[in-house]
C-alpha cells in the first residue's frame, strides 16, 4: 500500500461530503491524525485505552475504515 499523498490528505481536509465520499477507504494513522488535527501519540493512546475509532491491523500496519471513523465521530457530538 502506498503512502498517502498530500492530495489524499487534502481530500480529507476539504471534502464537503461525508468522508466516505472521498476516494480513500482506509486511512493510515498519520492521515487520520492530520484529519482530526491531533498528535499521532493521541491516536496511539486511544487505541491502547480502547477510546478511539475501530481500527484494522494488517501485519504491523494500523488502518482505519472511513465508515468506522465517521461512526466514532458521531458519538462525540455534544
PDB file of N, CA and C in Angstrom:
ATOM      1  N   UNK A   1       0.850  -1.173   0.000  1.00  0.00           N
ATOM      2  CA  UNK A   1       0.000   0.000   0.000  1.00  0.00           C
ATOM      3  C   UNK A   1       0.895   1.236   0.000  1.00  0.00           C
ATOM      4  N   UNK A   2       0.600   2.159  -0.869  1.00  0.00           N
ATOM      5  CA  UNK A   2       1.447   3.338  -0.987  1.00  0.00           C
ATOM      6  C   UNK A   2       1.133   4.345   0.110  1.00  0.00           C
ATOM      7  N   UNK A   3       2.100   5.208   0.369  1.00  0.00           N
ATOM      8  CA  UNK A   3       1.885   6.269   1.355  1.00  0.00           C
ATOM      9  C   UNK A   3       0.847   7.235   0.839  1.00  0.00           C
ATOM     10  N   UNK A   4       0.130   7.837   1.763  1.00  0.00           N
ATOM     11  CA  UNK A   4      -0.862   8.817   1.362  1.00  0.00           C
ATOM     12  C   UNK A   4      -0.169  10.107   0.978  1.00  0.00           C
ATOM     13  N   UNK A   5      -0.621  10.667  -0.105  1.00  0.00           N
ATOM     14  CA  UNK A   5      -0.014  11.870  -0.647  1.00  0.00           C
ATOM     15  C   UNK A   5      -0.683  13.103  -0.053  1.00  0.00           C
ATOM     16  N   UNK A   6      -0.090  14.262  -0.249  1.00  0.00           N
ATOM     17  CA  UNK A   6      -0.755  15.497   0.183  1.00  0.00           C
ATOM     18  C   UNK A   6      -2.149  15.649  -0.426  1.00  0.00           C
ATOM     19  N   UNK A   7      -2.341  15.148  -1.663  1.00  0.00           N
ATOM     20  CA  UNK A   7      -3.666  15.213  -2.282  1.00  0.00           C
ATOM     21  C   UNK A   7      -4.684  14.379  -1.520  1.00  0.00           C
ATOM     22  N   UNK A   8      -4.259  13.217  -1.017  1.00  0.00           N
ATOM     23  CA  UNK A   8      -5.155  12.376  -0.234  1.00  0.00           C
ATOM     24  C   UNK A   8      -5.596  13.101   1.032  1.00  0.00           C
ATOM     25  N   UNK A   9      -4.647  13.715   1.708  1.00  0.00           N
ATOM     26  CA  UNK A   9      -4.964  14.438   2.943  1.00  0.00           C
ATOM     27  C   UNK A   9      -5.787  15.676   2.622  1.00  0.00           C
ATOM     28  N   UNK A  10      -5.472  16.336   1.520  1.00  0.00           N
ATOM     29  CA  UNK A  10      -6.262  17.500   1.123  1.00  0.00           C
ATOM     30  C   UNK A  10      -7.702  17.109   0.881  1.00  0.00           C
ATOM     31  N   UNK A  11      -7.925  15.936   0.301  1.00  0.00           N
ATOM     32  CA  UNK A  11      -9.285  15.457   0.081  1.00  0.00           C
ATOM     33  C   UNK A  11     -10.011  15.357   1.411  1.00  0.00           C
ATOM     34  N   UNK A  12      -9.357  14.819   2.412  1.00  0.00           N
ATOM     35  CA  UNK A  12      -9.977  14.675   3.719  1.00  0.00           C
ATOM     36  C   UNK A  12     -10.230  16.027   4.366  1.00  0.00           C
ATOM     37  N   UNK A  13      -9.343  16.971   4.139  1.00  0.00           N
ATOM     38  CA  UNK A  13      -9.474  18.276   4.769  1.00  0.00           C
ATOM     39  C   UNK A  13     -10.469  19.191   4.063  1.00  0.00           C
ATOM     40  N   UNK A  14     -10.711  18.974   2.777  1.00  0.00           N
ATOM     41  CA  UNK A  14     -11.560  19.894   2.030  1.00  0.00           C
ATOM     42  C   UNK A  14     -12.861  19.290   1.556  1.00  0.00           C
ATOM     43  N   UNK A  15     -13.017  17.998   1.668  1.00  0.00           N
ATOM     44  CA  UNK A  15     -14.205  17.318   1.177  1.00  0.00           C
ATOM     45  C   UNK A  15     -15.430  17.825   1.933  1.00  0.00           C
ATOM     46  N   UNK A  16     -16.401  18.337   1.204  1.00  0.00           N
ATOM     47  CA  UNK A  16     -17.625  18.852   1.824  1.00  0.00           C
ATOM     48  C   UNK A  16     -18.622  17.736   2.108  1.00  0.00           C
ATOM     49  N   UNK A  17     -18.434  16.608   1.472  1.00  0.00           N
ATOM     50  CA  UNK A  17     -19.305  15.451   1.671  1.00  0.00           C
ATOM     51  C   UNK A  17     -18.791  14.638   2.857  1.00  0.00           C
ATOM     52  N   UNK A  18     -19.623  13.708   3.365  1.00  0.00           N
ATOM     53  CA  UNK A  18     -19.093  12.813   4.401  1.00  0.00           C
ATOM     54  C   UNK A  18     -17.827  12.122   3.901  1.00  0.00           C
ATOM     55  N   UNK A  19     -16.991  11.710   4.828  1.00  0.00           N
ATOM     56  CA  UNK A  19     -15.690  11.150   4.465  1.00  0.00           C
ATOM     57  C   UNK A  19     -15.795   9.974   3.505  1.00  0.00           C
ATOM     58  N   UNK A  20     -16.874   9.186   3.567  1.00  0.00           N
ATOM     59  CA  UNK A  20     -16.938   8.006   2.711  1.00  0.00           C
ATOM     60  C   UNK A  20     -17.126   8.355   1.238  1.00  0.00           C
ATOM     61  N   UNK A  21     -17.362   9.624   0.903  1.00  0.00           N
ATOM     62  CA  UNK A  21     -17.410  10.012  -0.492  1.00  0.00           C
ATOM     63  C   UNK A  21     -16.019  10.307  -1.039  1.00  0.00           C
ATOM     64  N   UNK A  22     -15.035  10.409  -0.168  1.00  0.00           N
ATOM     65  CA  UNK A  22     -13.660  10.595  -0.626  1.00  0.00           C
ATOM     66  C   UNK A  22     -13.159   9.292  -1.234  1.00  0.00           C
ATOM     67  N   UNK A  23     -12.120   9.367  -2.013  1.00  0.00           N
ATOM     68  CA  UNK A  23     -11.652   8.196  -2.747  1.00  0.00           C
ATOM     69  C   UNK A  23     -10.854   7.225  -1.879  1.00  0.00           C
ATOM     70  N   UNK A  24     -10.491   7.599  -0.669  1.00  0.00           N
ATOM     71  CA  UNK A  24      -9.738   6.702   0.205  1.00  0.00           C
ATOM     72  C   UNK A  24     -10.705   5.947   1.094  1.00  0.00           C
ATOM     73  N   UNK A  25     -10.570   4.638   1.171  1.00  0.00           N
ATOM     74  CA  UNK A  25     -11.438   3.833   2.029  1.00  0.00           C
ATOM     75  C   UNK A  25     -10.748   3.452   3.337  1.00  0.00           C
ATOM     76  N   UNK A  26      -9.414   3.348   3.319  1.00  0.00           N
ATOM     77  CA  UNK A  26      -8.651   3.062   4.533  1.00  0.00           C
ATOM     78  C   UNK A  26      -7.699   4.223   4.789  1.00  0.00           C
ATOM     79  N   UNK A  27      -7.626   4.635   6.037  1.00  0.00           N
ATOM     80  CA  UNK A  27      -6.753   5.741   6.410  1.00  0.00           C
ATOM     81  C   UNK A  27      -5.617   5.232   7.281  1.00  0.00           C
ATOM     82  N   UNK A  28      -4.446   5.752   7.059  1.00  0.00           N
ATOM     83  CA  UNK A  28      -3.321   5.462   7.951  1.00  0.00           C
ATOM     84  C   UNK A  28      -3.503   6.278   9.228  1.00  0.00           C
ATOM     85  N   UNK A  29      -2.741   5.928  10.243  1.00  0.00           N
ATOM     86  CA  UNK A  29      -2.774   6.699  11.482  1.00  0.00           C
ATOM     87  C   UNK A  29      -2.357   8.140  11.222  1.00  0.00           C
ATOM     88  N   UNK A  30      -1.365   8.320  10.365  1.00  0.00           N
ATOM     89  CA  UNK A  30      -0.891   9.664  10.036  1.00  0.00           C
ATOM     90  C   UNK A  30      -1.986  10.498   9.365  1.00  0.00           C
ATOM     91  N   UNK A  31      -2.688   9.893   8.412  1.00  0.00           N
ATOM     92  CA  UNK A  31      -3.747  10.618   7.705  1.00  0.00           C
ATOM     93  C   UNK A  31      -4.898  10.957   8.643  1.00  0.00           C
ATOM     94  N   UNK A  32      -5.253  10.032   9.529  1.00  0.00           N
ATOM     95  CA  UNK A  32      -6.333  10.300  10.469  1.00  0.00           C
ATOM     96  C   UNK A  32      -5.930  11.375  11.469  1.00  0.00           C
ATOM     97  N   UNK A  33      -4.691  11.332  11.932  1.00  0.00           N
ATOM     98  CA  UNK A  33      -4.208  12.367  12.854  1.00  0.00           C
ATOM     99  C   UNK A  33      -4.268  13.735  12.187  1.00  0.00           C
ATOM    100  N   UNK A  34      -3.878  13.799  10.919  1.00  0.00           N
ATOM    101  CA  UNK A  34      -3.936  15.048  10.170  1.00  0.00           C
ATOM    102  C   UNK A  34      -5.384  15.528  10.038  1.00  0.00           C
ATOM    103  N   UNK A  35      -6.276  14.623   9.692  1.00  0.00           N
ATOM    104  CA  UNK A  35      -7.689  14.975   9.515  1.00  0.00           C
ATOM    105  C   UNK A  35      -8.299  15.490  10.823  1.00  0.00           C
ATOM    106  N   UNK A  36      -7.990  14.808  11.934  1.00  0.00           N
ATOM    107  CA  UNK A  36      -8.558  15.193  13.230  1.00  0.00           C
ATOM    108  C   UNK A  36      -7.794  16.323  13.901  1.00  0.00           C
ATOM    109  N   UNK A  37      -6.622  16.661  13.360  1.00  0.00           N
ATOM    110  CA  UNK A  37      -5.741  17.674  13.931  1.00  0.00           C
ATOM    111  C   UNK A  37      -5.324  17.305  15.355  1.00  0.00           C
ATOM    112  N   UNK A  38      -4.897  16.042  15.490  1.00  0.00           N
ATOM    113  CA  UNK A  38      -4.383  15.545  16.774  1.00  0.00           C
ATOM    114  C   UNK A  38      -3.010  14.917  16.536  1.00  0.00           C
ATOM    115  N   UNK A  39      -2.273  14.748  17.594  1.00  0.00           N
ATOM    116  CA  UNK A  39      -0.952  14.121  17.511  1.00  0.00           C
ATOM    117  C   UNK A  39      -1.086  12.619  17.264  1.00  0.00           C
ATOM    118  N   UNK A  40      -0.078  12.057  16.607  1.00  0.00           N
ATOM    119  CA  UNK A  40      -0.048  10.603  16.417  1.00  0.00           C
ATOM    120  C   UNK A  40      -0.135   9.882  17.757  1.00  0.00           C
ATOM    121  N   UNK A  41       0.543  10.429  18.747  1.00  0.00           N
ATOM    122  CA  UNK A  41       0.542   9.785  20.070  1.00  0.00           C
ATOM    123  C   UNK A  41      -0.857   9.746  20.676  1.00  0.00           C
ATOM    124  N   UNK A  42      -1.696  10.723  20.329  1.00  0.00           N
ATOM    125  CA  UNK A  42      -3.075  10.722  20.822  1.00  0.00           C
ATOM    126  C   UNK A  42      -3.829   9.523  20.271  1.00  0.00           C
ATOM    127  N   UNK A  43      -3.705   9.270  18.977  1.00  0.00           N
ATOM    128  CA  UNK A  43      -4.378   8.115  18.385  1.00  0.00           C
ATOM    129  C   UNK A  43      -3.825   6.807  18.933  1.00  0.00           C
ATOM    130  N   UNK A  44      -2.530   6.756  19.142  1.00  0.00           N
ATOM    131  CA  UNK A  44      -1.934   5.547  19.726  1.00  0.00           C
ATOM    132  C   UNK A  44      -2.485   5.304  21.129  1.00  0.00           C
ATOM    133  N   UNK A  45      -2.602   6.356  21.906  1.00  0.00           N
ATOM    134  CA  UNK A  45      -3.137   6.217  23.260  1.00  0.00           C
ATOM    135  C   UNK A  45      -4.617   5.814  23.214  1.00  0.00           C
ATOM    136  N   UNK A  46      -5.373   6.392  22.289  1.00  0.00           N
ATOM    137  CA  UNK A  46      -6.776   5.997  22.121  1.00  0.00           C
ATOM    138  C   UNK A  46      -6.877   4.499  21.844  1.00  0.00           C
ATOM    139  N   UNK A  47      -5.979   3.968  20.992  1.00  0.00           N
ATOM    140  CA  UNK A  47      -6.004   2.532  20.697  1.00  0.00           C
ATOM    141  C   UNK A  47      -5.722   1.721  21.950  1.00  0.00           C
ATOM    142  N   UNK A  48      -4.717   2.133  22.709  1.00  0.00           N
ATOM    143  CA  UNK A  48      -4.372   1.407  23.937  1.00  0.00           C
ATOM    144  C   UNK A  48      -5.511   1.438  24.952  1.00  0.00           C
ATOM    145  N   UNK A  49      -6.196   2.575  25.038  1.00  0.00           N
ATOM    146  CA  UNK A  49      -7.278   2.744  26.012  1.00  0.00           C
ATOM    147  C   UNK A  49      -8.630   2.263  25.504  1.00  0.00           C
ATOM    148  N   UNK A  50      -8.707   1.899  24.211  1.00  0.00           N
ATOM    149  CA  UNK A  50      -9.977   1.479  23.629  1.00  0.00           C
ATOM    150  C   UNK A  50     -10.961   2.624  23.471  1.00  0.00           C
ATOM    151  N   UNK A  51     -10.465   3.862  23.338  1.00  0.00           N
ATOM    152  CA  UNK A  51     -11.324   5.049  23.271  1.00  0.00           C
ATOM    153  C   UNK A  51     -11.503   5.585  21.861  1.00  0.00           C
ATOM    154  N   UNK A  52     -10.688   5.169  20.933  1.00  0.00           N
ATOM    155  CA  UNK A  52     -10.726   5.734  19.586  1.00  0.00           C
ATOM    156  C   UNK A  52     -11.594   4.944  18.642  1.00  0.00           C
ATOM    157  N   UNK A  53     -11.538   5.306  17.366  1.00  0.00           N
ATOM    158  CA  UNK A  53     -12.308   4.566  16.374  1.00  0.00           C
ATOM    159  C   UNK A  53     -11.767   3.149  16.207  1.00  0.00           C
ATOM    160  N   UNK A  54     -12.650   2.265  15.780  1.00  0.00           N
ATOM    161  CA  UNK A  54     -12.238   0.895  15.482  1.00  0.00           C
ATOM    162  C   UNK A  54     -11.142   0.931  14.426  1.00  0.00           C
ATOM    163  N   UNK A  55     -10.151   0.061  14.579  1.00  0.00           N
ATOM    164  CA  UNK A  55      -9.045   0.027  13.617  1.00  0.00           C
ATOM    165  C   UNK A  55      -8.802  -1.389  13.145  1.00  0.00           C
ATOM    166  N   UNK A  56      -8.064  -1.500  12.077  1.00  0.00           N
ATOM    167  CA  UNK A  56      -7.722  -2.785  11.472  1.00  0.00           C
ATOM    168  C   UNK A  56      -6.215  -2.935  11.526  1.00  0.00           C
ATOM    169  N   UNK A  57      -5.749  -4.109  11.904  1.00  0.00           N
ATOM    170  CA  UNK A  57      -4.314  -4.404  11.858  1.00  0.00           C
ATOM    171  C   UNK A  57      -4.049  -5.269  10.633  1.00  0.00           C
ATOM    172  N   UNK A  58      -3.156  -4.824   9.780  1.00  0.00           N
ATOM    173  CA  UNK A  58      -2.713  -5.578   8.614  1.00  0.00           C
ATOM    174  C   UNK A  58      -1.221  -5.792   8.813  1.00  0.00           C
ATOM    175  N   UNK A  59      -0.882  -6.944   9.332  1.00  0.00           N
ATOM    176  CA  UNK A  59       0.510  -7.158   9.733  1.00  0.00           C
ATOM    177  C   UNK A  59       0.824  -6.187  10.849  1.00  0.00           C
ATOM    178  N   UNK A  60       1.827  -5.363  10.666  1.00  0.00           N
ATOM    179  CA  UNK A  60       2.176  -4.358  11.679  1.00  0.00           C
ATOM    180  C   UNK A  60       1.511  -3.004  11.406  1.00  0.00           C
ATOM    181  N   UNK A  61       0.779  -2.902  10.295  1.00  0.00           N
ATOM    182  CA  UNK A  61       0.136  -1.643   9.919  1.00  0.00           C
ATOM    183  C   UNK A  61      -1.213  -1.474  10.612  1.00  0.00           C
ATOM    184  N   UNK A  62      -1.509  -0.251  10.993  1.00  0.00           N
ATOM    185  CA  UNK A  62      -2.820   0.096  11.550  1.00  0.00           C
ATOM    186  C   UNK A  62      -3.540   0.941  10.514  1.00  0.00           C
ATOM    187  N   UNK A  63      -4.784   0.562  10.213  1.00  0.00           N
ATOM    188  CA  UNK A  63      -5.596   1.309   9.266  1.00  0.00           C
ATOM    189  C   UNK A  63      -6.984   1.527   9.856  1.00  0.00           C
ATOM    190  N   UNK A  64      -7.607   2.605   9.432  1.00  0.00           N
ATOM    191  CA  UNK A  64      -8.941   2.956   9.899  1.00  0.00           C
ATOM    192  C   UNK A  64      -9.888   2.999   8.703  1.00  0.00           C
ATOM    193  N   UNK A  65     -11.026   2.314   8.831  1.00  0.00           N
ATOM    194  CA  UNK A  65     -12.049   2.409   7.788  1.00  0.00           C
ATOM    195  C   UNK A  65     -12.772   3.737   7.960  1.00  0.00           C
ATOM    196  N   UNK A  66     -13.024   4.415   6.860  1.00  0.00           N
ATOM    197  CA  UNK A  66     -13.679   5.712   6.893  1.00  0.00           C
ATOM    198  C   UNK A  66     -15.018   5.611   7.620  1.00  0.00           C
ATOM    199  N   UNK A  67     -15.764   4.547   7.366  1.00  0.00           N
ATOM    200  CA  UNK A  67     -17.066   4.360   7.991  1.00  0.00           C
ATOM    201  C   UNK A  67     -16.947   4.289   9.516  1.00  0.00           C
ATOM    202  N   UNK A  68     -15.908   3.603   9.994  1.00  0.00           N
ATOM    203  CA  UNK A  68     -15.700   3.480  11.441  1.00  0.00           C
ATOM    204  C   UNK A  68     -15.349   4.825  12.067  1.00  0.00           C
ATOM    205  N   UNK A  69     -14.561   5.613  11.354  1.00  0.00           N
ATOM    206  CA  UNK A  69     -14.186   6.939  11.860  1.00  0.00           C
ATOM    207  C   UNK A  69     -15.432   7.826  11.946  1.00  0.00           C
ATOM    208  N   UNK A  70     -16.255   7.811  10.901  1.00  0.00           N
ATOM    209  CA  UNK A  70     -17.478   8.616  10.924  1.00  0.00           C
ATOM    210  C   UNK A  70     -18.397   8.200  12.067  1.00  0.00           C
ATOM    211  N   UNK A  71     -18.534   6.904  12.263  1.00  0.00           N
ATOM    212  CA  UNK A  71     -19.382   6.390  13.342  1.00  0.00           C
ATOM    213  C   UNK A  71     -18.858   6.844  14.702  1.00  0.00           C
ATOM    214  N   UNK A  72     -17.551   6.751  14.900  1.00  0.00           N
ATOM    215  CA  UNK A  72     -16.933   7.172  16.151  1.00  0.00           C
ATOM    216  C   UNK A  72     -17.111   8.670  16.369  1.00  0.00           C
ATOM    217  N   UNK A  73     -16.914   9.455  15.306  1.00  0.00           N
ATOM    218  CA  UNK A  73     -17.080  10.901  15.419  1.00  0.00           C
ATOM    219  C   UNK A  73     -18.516  11.275  15.788  1.00  0.00           C
ATOM    220  N   UNK A  74     -19.473  10.534  15.266  1.00  0.00           N
ATOM    221  CA  UNK A  74     -20.877  10.808  15.563  1.00  0.00           C
ATOM    222  C   UNK A  74     -21.181  10.648  17.064  1.00  0.00           C
ATOM    223  N   UNK A  75     -20.424   9.791  17.729  1.00  0.00           N
ATOM    224  CA  UNK A  75     -20.625   9.593  19.178  1.00  0.00           C
ATOM    225  C   UNK A  75     -20.022  10.722  19.985  1.00  0.00           C
ATOM    226  N   UNK A  76     -19.247  11.580  19.345  1.00  0.00           N
ATOM    227  CA  UNK A  76     -18.556  12.664  20.047  1.00  0.00           C
ATOM    228  C   UNK A  76     -19.328  13.982  20.017  1.00  0.00           C
ATOM    229  N   UNK A  77     -20.500  13.974  19.372  1.00  0.00           N
ATOM    230  CA  UNK A  77     -21.298  15.211  19.308  1.00  0.00           C
ATOM    231  C   UNK A  77     -21.811  15.567  20.674  1.00  0.00           C
ATOM    232  N   UNK A  78     -21.849  16.854  20.942  1.00  0.00           N
ATOM    233  CA  UNK A  78     -22.382  17.346  22.228  1.00  0.00           C
ATOM    234  C   UNK A  78     -23.647  18.110  21.984  1.00  0.00           C
TER     235      UNK A  78
END
